[in-house]
Amino acid sequence: MRTLKEILKQRAKEAAKILEDDALEELVDVIRFKISNEVYAVRDKYVREVYPYLQPTKVPCAPPFILGILNVRGAFVSVVDLGLILGLEKSELKKEGFILLLSNETMEFGVMVDEIEGEMKIPKKSVQAIPEGLNVLTKDLIEGVTVDGLIMLDGKRLLEDSKIVVREEV
């Protein structure tokens, strides 16, 4: 008769077996949202918070894609029109919209979105390369596209893009 220790050791070995690559599918946690009629997602590790619509305060002499600034718990945060950056028509500020606060170690800004579809997990291998015919001015901000048309934004590049980060003095 086997001892309890032997039984537990056998169970631990079985639980520790490496699964076949086909059985193991890496999932990516994303926040899914809409801008205009396009559906986008960004990895949730770059999303600090989601706010209901807040009217940003306009900033004089700012580029057209900067909608203004918000006071978020005592810190001023820029709000950008991501649709304009991605080559879509200028977004209308909608009171039923949301602001997605994107953040990493060095940068933070808000992105105006029309609708938040929620948090979800998508298989990493379902994100494919950007199709050739995709009419986007800044393809370097896109990680890929899924079969169902979800456009995966590259949160890291978005937060570090020199076209978005404005460091000018007036």
C-alpha atoms as a PDB file:
ATOM      1  CA  MET A   1       0.000   0.000   0.000  1.00  0.00           C
ATOM      2  CA  ARG A   2       1.280   3.446  -0.974  1.00  0.00           C
ATOM      3  CA  THR A   3       1.722   6.133   1.612  1.00  0.00           C
ATOM      4  CA  LEU A   4      -0.040   9.472   1.478  1.00  0.00           C
ATOM      5  CA  LYS A   5       3.271  11.150   0.604  1.00  0.00           C
ATOM      6  CA  GLU A   6       3.765   8.832  -2.411  1.00  0.00           C
ATOM      7  CA  ILE A   7       0.219   9.436  -3.631  1.00  0.00           C
ATOM      8  CA  LEU A   8       0.617  13.223  -3.373  1.00  0.00           C
ATOM      9  CA  LYS A   9       4.009  13.060  -5.096  1.00  0.00           C
ATOM     10  CA  GLN A  10       2.472  11.079  -7.994  1.00  0.00           C
ATOM     11  CA  ARG A  11      -0.410  13.570  -8.295  1.00  0.00           C
ATOM     12  CA  ALA A  12       2.052  16.488  -8.320  1.00  0.00           C
ATOM     13  CA  LYS A  13       4.022  14.854 -11.142  1.00  0.00           C
ATOM     14  CA  GLU A  14       0.855  14.350 -13.186  1.00  0.00           C
ATOM     15  CA  ALA A  15      -0.290  17.927 -12.604  1.00  0.00           C
ATOM     16  CA  ALA A  16       3.136  19.246 -13.586  1.00  0.00           C
ATOM     17  CA  LYS A  17       3.236  17.494 -16.980  1.00  0.00           C
ATOM     18  CA  ILE A  18       3.677  19.912 -19.838  1.00  0.00           C
ATOM     19  CA  LEU A  19       0.660  20.013 -22.088  1.00  0.00           C
ATOM     20  CA  GLU A  20       1.004  19.693 -25.822  1.00  0.00           C
ATOM     21  CA  ASP A  21       1.379  23.056 -27.632  1.00  0.00           C
ATOM     22  CA  ASP A  22      -2.010  22.557 -29.274  1.00  0.00           C
ATOM     23  CA  ALA A  23      -3.734  22.154 -25.929  1.00  0.00           C
ATOM     24  CA  LEU A  24      -2.015  25.197 -24.435  1.00  0.00           C
ATOM     25  CA  GLU A  25      -3.356  28.437 -25.871  1.00  0.00           C
ATOM     26  CA  GLU A  26      -2.021  31.752 -24.645  1.00  0.00           C
ATOM     27  CA  LEU A  27      -4.796  34.266 -24.010  1.00  0.00           C
ATOM     28  CA  VAL A  28      -4.407  38.036 -23.974  1.00  0.00           C
ATOM     29  CA  ASP A  29      -6.524  40.220 -21.671  1.00  0.00           C
ATOM     30  CA  VAL A  30      -7.847  43.232 -23.580  1.00  0.00           C
ATOM     31  CA  ILE A  31     -10.319  46.074 -23.240  1.00  0.00           C
ATOM     32  CA  ARG A  32     -12.592  46.194 -26.286  1.00  0.00           C
ATOM     33  CA  PHE A  33     -14.061  49.527 -27.421  1.00  0.00           C
ATOM     34  CA  LYS A  34     -15.541  51.387 -30.392  1.00  0.00           C
ATOM     35  CA  ILE A  35     -14.480  54.576 -32.112  1.00  0.00           C
ATOM     36  CA  SER A  36     -16.847  55.595 -34.912  1.00  0.00           C
ATOM     37  CA  ASN A  37     -17.927  52.232 -36.337  1.00  0.00           C
ATOM     38  CA  GLU A  38     -14.547  50.549 -35.838  1.00  0.00           C
ATOM     39  CA  VAL A  39     -13.932  48.010 -33.055  1.00  0.00           C
ATOM     40  CA  TYR A  40     -10.584  48.226 -31.279  1.00  0.00           C
ATOM     41  CA  ALA A  41      -8.851  46.574 -28.359  1.00  0.00           C
ATOM     42  CA  VAL A  42      -5.804  47.342 -26.266  1.00  0.00           C
ATOM     43  CA  ARG A  43      -4.110  45.085 -23.728  1.00  0.00           C
ATOM     44  CA  ASP A  44      -5.590  45.771 -20.324  1.00  0.00           C
ATOM     45  CA  LYS A  45      -2.169  46.260 -18.733  1.00  0.00           C
ATOM     46  CA  TYR A  46      -2.064  49.662 -20.489  1.00  0.00           C
ATOM     47  CA  VAL A  47      -5.533  50.732 -19.305  1.00  0.00           C
ATOM     48  CA  ARG A  48      -5.443  52.377 -15.898  1.00  0.00           C
ATOM     49  CA  GLU A  49      -9.103  53.391 -15.674  1.00  0.00           C
ATOM     50  CA  VAL A  50     -12.278  53.972 -17.657  1.00  0.00           C
ATOM     51  CA  TYR A  51     -14.202  57.182 -17.043  1.00  0.00           C
ATOM     52  CA  PRO A  52     -17.653  58.164 -18.177  1.00  0.00           C
ATOM     53  CA  TYR A  53     -17.641  61.196 -20.442  1.00  0.00           C
ATOM     54  CA  LEU A  54     -16.032  64.277 -18.900  1.00  0.00           C
ATOM     55  CA  GLN A  55     -15.700  67.535 -20.827  1.00  0.00           C
ATOM     56  CA  PRO A  56     -11.968  68.172 -21.289  1.00  0.00           C
ATOM     57  CA  THR A  57     -10.741  71.759 -20.895  1.00  0.00           C
ATOM     58  CA  LYS A  58      -9.450  73.087 -24.225  1.00  0.00           C
ATOM     59  CA  VAL A  59      -5.749  73.881 -24.474  1.00  0.00           C
ATOM     60  CA  PRO A  60      -4.738  76.849 -26.669  1.00  0.00           C
ATOM     61  CA  CYS A  61      -2.287  76.144 -29.511  1.00  0.00           C
ATOM     62  CA  ALA A  62      -2.613  72.361 -29.083  1.00  0.00           C
ATOM     63  CA  PRO A  63      -2.611  70.051 -32.134  1.00  0.00           C
ATOM     64  CA  PRO A  64      -6.089  69.139 -33.456  1.00  0.00           C
ATOM     65  CA  PHE A  65      -5.953  65.606 -32.026  1.00  0.00           C
ATOM     66  CA  ILE A  66      -5.664  66.929 -28.460  1.00  0.00           C
ATOM     67  CA  LEU A  67      -9.188  67.492 -27.186  1.00  0.00           C
ATOM     68  CA  GLY A  68      -8.012  69.085 -23.949  1.00  0.00           C
ATOM     69  CA  ILE A  69      -6.985  68.185 -20.418  1.00  0.00           C
ATOM     70  CA  LEU A  70      -8.725  66.673 -17.399  1.00  0.00           C
ATOM     71  CA  ASN A  71      -7.956  66.843 -13.709  1.00  0.00           C
ATOM     72  CA  VAL A  72      -7.731  63.219 -12.559  1.00  0.00           C
ATOM     73  CA  ARG A  73      -7.234  63.072  -8.790  1.00  0.00           C
ATOM     74  CA  GLY A  74      -5.076  66.191  -8.786  1.00  0.00           C
ATOM     75  CA  ALA A  75      -3.038  65.345 -11.907  1.00  0.00           C
ATOM     76  CA  PHE A  76      -3.616  66.934 -15.306  1.00  0.00           C
ATOM     77  CA  VAL A  77      -4.068  64.376 -18.070  1.00  0.00           C
ATOM     78  CA  SER A  78      -4.312  65.091 -21.806  1.00  0.00           C
ATOM     79  CA  VAL A  79      -7.279  63.672 -23.710  1.00  0.00           C
ATOM     80  CA  VAL A  80      -6.686  62.742 -27.353  1.00  0.00           C
ATOM     81  CA  ASP A  81      -8.919  61.924 -30.299  1.00  0.00           C
ATOM     82  CA  LEU A  82      -7.494  58.512 -31.206  1.00  0.00           C
ATOM     83  CA  GLY A  83      -9.793  58.267 -34.213  1.00  0.00           C
ATOM     84  CA  LEU A  84      -8.144  61.362 -35.710  1.00  0.00           C
ATOM     85  CA  ILE A  85      -4.692  59.880 -35.065  1.00  0.00           C
ATOM     86  CA  LEU A  86      -5.729  56.631 -36.784  1.00  0.00           C
ATOM     87  CA  GLY A  87      -7.061  58.467 -39.840  1.00  0.00           C
ATOM     88  CA  LEU A  88     -10.778  58.353 -39.030  1.00  0.00           C
ATOM     89  CA  GLU A  89     -13.001  61.410 -39.235  1.00  0.00           C
ATOM     90  CA  LYS A  90     -12.917  63.798 -36.302  1.00  0.00           C
ATOM     91  CA  SER A  91     -14.899  62.336 -33.415  1.00  0.00           C
ATOM     92  CA  GLU A  92     -17.895  64.187 -32.071  1.00  0.00           C
ATOM     93  CA  LEU A  93     -17.712  64.670 -28.328  1.00  0.00           C
ATOM     94  CA  LYS A  94     -20.605  62.606 -27.037  1.00  0.00           C
ATOM     95  CA  LYS A  95     -21.923  62.832 -23.521  1.00  0.00           C
ATOM     96  CA  GLU A  96     -22.558  59.086 -23.585  1.00  0.00           C
ATOM     97  CA  GLY A  97     -18.931  58.342 -24.525  1.00  0.00           C
ATOM     98  CA  PHE A  98     -16.043  57.260 -22.325  1.00  0.00           C
ATOM     99  CA  ILE A  99     -12.449  58.181 -21.659  1.00  0.00           C
ATOM    100  CA  LEU A 100      -9.982  55.315 -21.528  1.00  0.00           C
ATOM    101  CA  LEU A 101      -7.006  56.345 -19.389  1.00  0.00           C
ATOM    102  CA  LEU A 102      -3.919  54.692 -20.891  1.00  0.00           C
ATOM    103  CA  SER A 103      -0.776  54.513 -18.813  1.00  0.00           C
ATOM    104  CA  ASN A 104       2.692  53.014 -18.507  1.00  0.00           C
ATOM    105  CA  GLU A 105       5.764  53.911 -16.425  1.00  0.00           C
ATOM    106  CA  THR A 106       6.541  57.086 -18.386  1.00  0.00           C
ATOM    107  CA  MET A 107       3.333  58.359 -20.017  1.00  0.00           C
ATOM    108  CA  GLU A 108      -0.359  58.732 -19.320  1.00  0.00           C
ATOM    109  CA  PHE A 109      -3.199  60.187 -21.365  1.00  0.00           C
ATOM    110  CA  GLY A 110      -6.889  59.702 -21.987  1.00  0.00           C
ATOM    111  CA  VAL A 111      -8.455  58.429 -25.193  1.00  0.00           C
ATOM    112  CA  MET A 112     -11.992  59.432 -26.145  1.00  0.00           C
ATOM    113  CA  VAL A 113     -14.044  56.367 -27.190  1.00  0.00           C
ATOM    114  CA  ASP A 114     -17.690  56.022 -28.188  1.00  0.00           C
ATOM    115  CA  GLU A 115     -18.456  52.772 -26.420  1.00  0.00           C
ATOM    116  CA  ILE A 116     -16.748  50.296 -24.089  1.00  0.00           C
ATOM    117  CA  GLU A 117     -17.629  46.731 -25.035  1.00  0.00           C
ATOM    118  CA  GLY A 118     -15.858  45.281 -22.029  1.00  0.00           C
ATOM    119  CA  GLU A 119     -12.905  43.254 -20.918  1.00  0.00           C
ATOM    120  CA  MET A 120     -12.249  39.979 -22.681  1.00  0.00           C
ATOM    121  CA  LYS A 121      -9.620  37.350 -23.378  1.00  0.00           C
ATOM    122  CA  ILE A 122      -8.585  36.652 -26.943  1.00  0.00           C
ATOM    123  CA  PRO A 123      -6.241  33.927 -28.174  1.00  0.00           C
ATOM    124  CA  LYS A 124      -2.850  35.488 -28.923  1.00  0.00           C
ATOM    125  CA  LYS A 125      -2.489  33.472 -32.113  1.00  0.00           C
ATOM    126  CA  SER A 126      -5.799  34.855 -33.431  1.00  0.00           C
ATOM    127  CA  VAL A 127      -4.146  38.279 -33.846  1.00  0.00           C
ATOM    128  CA  GLN A 128      -2.906  38.337 -37.428  1.00  0.00           C
ATOM    129  CA  ALA A 129      -0.694  40.742 -39.346  1.00  0.00           C
ATOM    130  CA  ILE A 130      -2.262  43.925 -40.692  1.00  0.00           C
ATOM    131  CA  PRO A 131      -3.894  43.314 -44.081  1.00  0.00           C
ATOM    132  CA  GLU A 132      -2.303  45.151 -47.015  1.00  0.00           C
ATOM    133  CA  GLY A 133      -5.498  46.991 -47.999  1.00  0.00           C
ATOM    134  CA  LEU A 134      -6.104  48.468 -44.544  1.00  0.00           C
ATOM    135  CA  ASN A 135      -6.380  52.244 -44.894  1.00  0.00           C
ATOM    136  CA  VAL A 136      -4.644  53.400 -41.737  1.00  0.00           C
ATOM    137  CA  LEU A 137      -2.117  56.206 -41.617  1.00  0.00           C
ATOM    138  CA  THR A 138      -0.294  54.918 -38.560  1.00  0.00           C
ATOM    139  CA  LYS A 139       0.038  51.162 -39.000  1.00  0.00           C
ATOM    140  CA  ASP A 140       2.898  51.134 -36.489  1.00  0.00           C
ATOM    141  CA  LEU A 141       0.328  51.690 -33.707  1.00  0.00           C
ATOM    142  CA  ILE A 142      -1.545  48.509 -34.627  1.00  0.00           C
ATOM    143  CA  GLU A 143      -0.450  45.144 -33.284  1.00  0.00           C
ATOM    144  CA  GLY A 144      -2.723  43.191 -35.624  1.00  0.00           C
ATOM    145  CA  VAL A 145      -6.271  42.314 -36.611  1.00  0.00           C
ATOM    146  CA  THR A 146      -8.392  39.337 -35.589  1.00  0.00           C
ATOM    147  CA  VAL A 147     -10.512  37.271 -37.979  1.00  0.00           C
ATOM    148  CA  ASP A 148     -13.683  38.957 -36.703  1.00  0.00           C
ATOM    149  CA  GLY A 149     -12.301  42.437 -37.528  1.00  0.00           C
ATOM    150  CA  LEU A 150     -11.096  43.501 -34.085  1.00  0.00           C
ATOM    151  CA  ILE A 151      -8.157  45.907 -34.461  1.00  0.00           C
ATOM    152  CA  MET A 152      -5.547  45.311 -31.740  1.00  0.00           C
ATOM    153  CA  LEU A 153      -3.724  48.501 -30.852  1.00  0.00           C
ATOM    154  CA  ASP A 154      -0.157  48.331 -29.568  1.00  0.00           C
ATOM    155  CA  GLY A 155      -0.499  50.067 -26.189  1.00  0.00           C
ATOM    156  CA  LYS A 156       3.245  50.411 -25.650  1.00  0.00           C
ATOM    157  CA  ARG A 157       3.829  52.106 -29.006  1.00  0.00           C
ATOM    158  CA  LEU A 158       0.740  54.260 -28.553  1.00  0.00           C
ATOM    159  CA  LEU A 159       2.061  55.574 -25.245  1.00  0.00           C
ATOM    160  CA  GLU A 160       5.528  56.193 -26.695  1.00  0.00           C
ATOM    161  CA  ASP A 161       4.620  57.535 -30.165  1.00  0.00           C
ATOM    162  CA  SER A 162       6.390  60.819 -30.886  1.00  0.00           C
ATOM    163  CA  LYS A 163       3.434  61.986 -33.018  1.00  0.00           C
ATOM    164  CA  ILE A 164       1.174  61.873 -29.949  1.00  0.00           C
ATOM    165  CA  VAL A 165       3.587  63.067 -27.283  1.00  0.00           C
ATOM    166  CA  VAL A 166       3.705  66.868 -27.573  1.00  0.00           C
ATOM    167  CA  ARG A 167       6.683  68.534 -25.935  1.00  0.00           C
ATOM    168  CA  GLU A 168       6.445  72.086 -27.188  1.00  0.00           C
ATOM    169  CA  GLU A 169       6.600  75.390 -25.389  1.00  0.00           C
ATOM    170  CA  VAL A 170       4.591  78.382 -26.540  1.00  0.00           C
END
